Protein backbone atom coordinates (compact mmCIF):
# COMPACT_ATOMS: atom_id res chain seq x y z
CA MET A 1 2.05 14.81 42.65
CA ASP A 2 0.36 17.84 41.10
CA ASN A 3 -3.43 17.60 41.59
CA HIS A 4 -4.14 18.55 37.99
CA PHE A 5 -1.79 15.85 36.72
CA GLU A 6 -3.30 13.29 39.12
CA MET A 7 -6.80 14.12 37.88
CA GLY A 8 -5.59 13.68 34.31
CA LEU A 9 -4.20 10.24 35.15
CA GLU A 10 -7.51 9.22 36.71
CA ASP A 11 -9.41 10.41 33.63
CA LEU A 12 -7.03 8.38 31.47
CA ARG A 13 -7.55 5.30 33.62
CA GLN A 14 -11.34 5.63 33.46
CA LYS A 15 -11.24 6.06 29.68
CA LEU A 16 -9.11 2.90 29.38
CA LEU A 17 -11.59 0.95 31.50
CA LEU A 18 -14.46 2.10 29.30
CA MET A 19 -12.52 1.07 26.21
CA ALA A 20 -11.74 -2.30 27.77
CA SER A 21 -15.42 -2.86 28.52
CA ARG A 22 -16.28 -2.09 24.90
CA ALA A 23 -13.62 -4.47 23.61
CA GLU A 24 -14.73 -7.31 25.90
CA THR A 25 -18.36 -6.81 24.90
CA ALA A 26 -17.39 -6.87 21.23
CA VAL A 27 -15.64 -10.23 21.63
CA ASN A 28 -18.52 -11.73 23.62
CA ASP A 29 -21.08 -10.52 21.08
CA ALA A 30 -19.01 -11.73 18.13
CA VAL A 31 -18.67 -15.22 19.61
CA GLN A 32 -22.39 -15.29 20.44
CA ALA A 33 -23.22 -14.24 16.89
CA LEU A 34 -20.99 -17.00 15.55
CA MET A 35 -22.37 -19.75 17.76
CA GLN A 36 -26.03 -18.70 17.36
CA ARG A 37 -25.80 -17.77 13.67
CA HIS A 38 -27.02 -14.27 14.56
CA TYR A 39 -26.43 -12.09 11.50
CA GLU A 40 -27.77 -8.84 12.99
CA LEU A 41 -25.62 -9.10 16.11
CA ALA A 42 -22.56 -9.77 13.97
CA MET A 43 -23.29 -6.68 11.90
CA LYS A 44 -23.63 -4.62 15.10
CA VAL A 45 -20.17 -5.75 16.26
CA ARG A 46 -18.68 -4.69 12.95
CA ALA A 47 -20.40 -1.29 13.07
CA ASP A 48 -19.34 -0.65 16.68
CA ASP A 49 -15.65 -1.11 15.89
CA ASP A 50 -15.49 2.60 15.06
CA ILE A 51 -16.30 3.37 18.70
CA ILE A 52 -13.28 1.40 19.92
CA ASP A 53 -11.10 3.14 17.35
CA GLN A 54 -12.34 6.49 18.64
CA PHE A 55 -11.43 5.51 22.20
CA GLU A 56 -7.87 4.79 21.09
CA MET A 57 -7.53 8.21 19.46
CA GLU A 58 -8.93 9.99 22.53
CA ILE A 59 -6.63 8.07 24.87
CA ASP A 60 -3.62 8.90 22.71
CA GLU A 61 -4.52 12.57 22.86
CA MET A 62 -4.99 12.50 26.64
CA ALA A 63 -1.69 10.64 27.07
CA LEU A 64 0.25 13.07 24.90
CA GLN A 65 -1.03 15.98 26.96
CA LEU A 66 0.01 14.24 30.17
CA LEU A 67 3.47 13.42 28.84
CA THR A 68 4.25 17.14 28.68
CA LYS A 69 3.47 17.42 32.41
CA ALA A 70 4.81 14.16 33.85
CA PRO A 71 7.19 15.14 36.68
CA LEU A 72 8.64 11.67 37.41
CA ALA A 73 10.05 8.80 35.34
CA SER A 74 7.47 6.45 36.88
CA ASN A 75 4.70 8.71 35.60
CA LEU A 76 6.23 8.72 32.14
CA ARG A 77 6.17 4.92 32.18
CA LEU A 78 2.55 4.91 33.33
CA VAL A 79 1.38 7.17 30.51
CA THR A 80 3.32 5.37 27.80
CA VAL A 81 2.12 1.99 29.06
CA ALA A 82 -1.46 3.30 29.03
CA MET A 83 -1.01 4.13 25.36
CA LYS A 84 0.25 0.61 24.64
CA VAL A 85 -2.67 -0.91 26.56
CA SER A 86 -5.00 1.16 24.42
CA GLN A 87 -3.32 -0.10 21.24
CA ASN A 88 -3.78 -3.70 22.33
CA LEU A 89 -7.43 -3.08 23.20
CA GLU A 90 -7.98 -1.59 19.74
CA ARG A 91 -6.49 -4.71 18.18
CA ILE A 92 -8.72 -6.89 20.36
CA GLY A 93 -11.64 -4.94 18.89
CA ASP A 94 -10.27 -5.63 15.40
CA GLU A 95 -10.16 -9.37 16.13
CA ALA A 96 -13.75 -9.23 17.37
CA THR A 97 -14.69 -7.62 14.06
CA LYS A 98 -12.97 -10.44 12.17
CA ILE A 99 -14.96 -13.00 14.14
CA ALA A 100 -18.15 -11.06 13.42
CA LYS A 101 -17.38 -11.10 9.70
CA ARG A 102 -17.03 -14.88 9.81
CA ALA A 103 -20.31 -15.05 11.74
CA CYS A 104 -22.03 -13.06 8.98
CA ASP A 105 -20.70 -15.42 6.32
CA LEU A 106 -21.49 -18.60 8.24
CA SER A 107 -25.04 -17.49 9.07
CA GLN A 108 -25.79 -17.65 5.34
CA GLU A 109 -24.46 -21.24 5.02
CA PRO A 110 -25.63 -24.62 6.35
CA PRO A 111 -24.16 -25.36 9.78
CA VAL A 112 -21.07 -27.56 10.10
CA LYS A 113 -21.98 -30.80 11.87
CA LEU A 114 -19.06 -30.71 14.25
CA VAL A 115 -19.00 -29.89 17.95
CA LEU A 116 -16.65 -26.93 18.45
CA ASP A 117 -15.97 -25.53 21.90
CA LEU A 118 -15.29 -22.00 20.72
CA PRO A 119 -16.92 -20.46 23.83
CA ARG A 120 -14.27 -22.20 25.97
CA LEU A 121 -11.51 -20.67 23.88
CA ALA A 122 -13.22 -17.28 24.06
CA GLY A 123 -13.61 -17.61 27.84
CA MET A 124 -9.92 -18.34 28.27
CA ALA A 125 -8.88 -15.40 26.09
CA LEU A 126 -11.29 -12.96 27.75
CA ALA A 127 -10.25 -14.09 31.23
CA MET A 128 -6.68 -13.23 30.27
CA VAL A 129 -7.79 -9.79 29.06
CA LYS A 130 -9.68 -9.11 32.30
CA ASP A 131 -6.83 -10.30 34.51
CA ALA A 132 -4.27 -8.29 32.55
CA LEU A 133 -6.35 -5.15 32.95
CA ASP A 134 -6.85 -5.83 36.66
CA ALA A 135 -3.07 -6.16 37.03
CA PHE A 136 -2.66 -2.84 35.23
CA VAL A 137 -5.19 -1.01 37.40
CA GLN A 138 -3.75 -2.49 40.61
CA ARG A 139 -0.14 -2.28 39.37
CA ASP A 140 0.29 -5.93 40.32
CA SER A 141 3.50 -7.14 38.73
CA ALA A 142 3.26 -10.64 40.23
CA ALA A 143 -0.21 -11.19 38.77
CA ALA A 144 1.00 -9.92 35.41
CA ARG A 145 3.95 -12.30 35.41
CA ALA A 146 1.69 -15.21 36.35
CA LEU A 147 -0.62 -14.44 33.45
CA VAL A 148 2.00 -14.62 30.69
CA PRO A 149 2.37 -18.45 30.59
CA ARG A 150 -1.41 -18.88 30.25
CA ASP A 151 -1.06 -17.86 26.61
CA ARG A 152 0.38 -21.31 25.92
CA GLU A 153 -2.86 -22.95 27.14
CA VAL A 154 -4.85 -20.87 24.67
CA ASP A 155 -2.42 -21.81 21.91
CA ALA A 156 -2.92 -25.50 22.73
CA VAL A 157 -6.72 -25.26 22.57
CA ASN A 158 -6.49 -23.38 19.27
CA ARG A 159 -4.27 -26.12 17.86
CA GLU A 160 -6.78 -28.76 18.96
CA MET A 161 -9.60 -26.93 17.19
CA HIS A 162 -7.47 -26.45 14.08
CA ALA A 163 -6.67 -30.19 14.01
CA ALA A 164 -10.34 -31.17 14.45
CA LEU A 165 -11.44 -28.82 11.66
CA THR A 166 -8.68 -30.05 9.37
CA ARG A 167 -9.78 -33.66 9.88
CA HIS A 168 -13.39 -32.67 9.19
CA MET A 169 -12.41 -30.92 5.94
CA MET A 170 -10.53 -34.00 4.79
CA GLU A 171 -13.52 -36.23 5.52
CA HIS A 172 -16.10 -33.76 4.18
CA PRO A 173 -14.54 -31.66 1.38
CA ASP A 174 -17.84 -29.83 0.82
CA THR A 175 -17.35 -28.10 4.20
CA ILE A 176 -13.89 -26.65 3.48
CA SER A 177 -14.96 -23.02 3.07
CA ARG A 178 -17.12 -23.14 6.22
CA CYS A 179 -14.42 -24.84 8.28
CA LEU A 180 -11.92 -22.21 7.19
CA HIS A 181 -14.21 -19.54 8.64
CA TRP A 182 -14.12 -21.37 11.97
CA ILE A 183 -10.33 -21.70 11.83
CA VAL A 184 -9.98 -17.95 11.28
CA ALA A 185 -12.35 -17.21 14.18
CA ALA A 186 -10.38 -19.47 16.52
CA LYS A 187 -7.14 -17.83 15.41
CA SER A 188 -8.61 -14.42 16.24
CA LEU A 189 -9.33 -15.61 19.78
CA GLU A 190 -5.76 -16.87 20.05
CA ARG A 191 -4.55 -13.43 18.99
CA ILE A 192 -6.77 -11.80 21.60
CA ALA A 193 -4.92 -13.85 24.21
CA ASP A 194 -1.66 -12.63 22.67
CA HIS A 195 -2.79 -9.03 23.19
CA ALA A 196 -3.69 -9.82 26.81
CA LYS A 197 -0.19 -11.21 27.29
CA ASN A 198 1.22 -8.01 25.74
CA ILE A 199 -0.70 -5.95 28.29
CA ALA A 200 0.62 -8.12 31.13
CA GLU A 201 4.19 -7.64 29.91
CA GLU A 202 3.64 -3.88 29.86
CA VAL A 203 2.42 -4.05 33.46
CA VAL A 204 5.69 -5.68 34.48
CA TYR A 205 7.56 -2.88 32.72
CA LEU A 206 5.39 -0.31 34.48
CA CYS A 207 5.99 -1.80 37.93
CA GLU A 208 9.59 -2.97 37.63
CA ALA A 209 11.03 -0.84 34.80
CA GLN A 210 12.03 -4.17 33.21
CA ASP A 211 11.18 -5.26 29.67
CA ILE A 212 10.50 -9.00 29.84
CA ARG A 213 9.14 -9.52 26.31
CA HIS A 214 12.24 -10.73 24.49
CA HIS A 215 13.79 -12.20 27.62
CA LEU A 216 10.90 -14.63 27.99
CA LYS A 217 11.04 -15.58 24.31
CA LYS A 218 14.76 -16.33 24.55
CA THR A 219 14.26 -18.32 27.75
CA ALA A 220 11.57 -20.43 26.10
CA ALA A 221 13.64 -20.96 22.95
CA VAL A 222 16.93 -22.03 24.53
CA PRO A 223 16.83 -25.39 26.39
CA LEU A 224 18.63 -25.61 29.72
CA ARG A 225 21.82 -27.66 29.81
CA PRO A 226 21.80 -30.75 32.02
């Protein structure tokens, strides 16, 4: 492989890792702001979203330059997948911003007297993001495939939280607006897990030149005959 092209790929990889670190920090800070009713931290997350957006634009520019020099089909896949990973990281940053907005609103209201294990949901989603990125860096298709079903676990926890908050709203109508903020925050974490799954599916495409996205949906939707 041409040394100049190889150096460009390494620069792209490093930029992606920096962006990923920013996105993970944004989610962690947003959840902390929500749980601790920390208005200033929530505002910082919202302000820092521009940095993640800038990363996406820079990565797109780097990738487009590399696409004009990619000598092999596998390199073309790598660069295009890097762009898609960047897009998903940007959307993870957007979801962190949504959580931060809810944290800002809730910090101005009385707390809801309900135990909510949002940090658990955040931990599951962020673990998926980290593992998906590790699979990308290591080009580990097996790890990427193993990650995809974990999205269902996150969905289940989100549904549990949604049900608990719905019951609380029915029993305490004065908390409806506050509970809705929590429901939106939990949904954002569920979407972050979706983006991690998207990254994992792109890793499979990178390694195997196989698009598994719609195949897996069809497999899950159609029951097997006895």
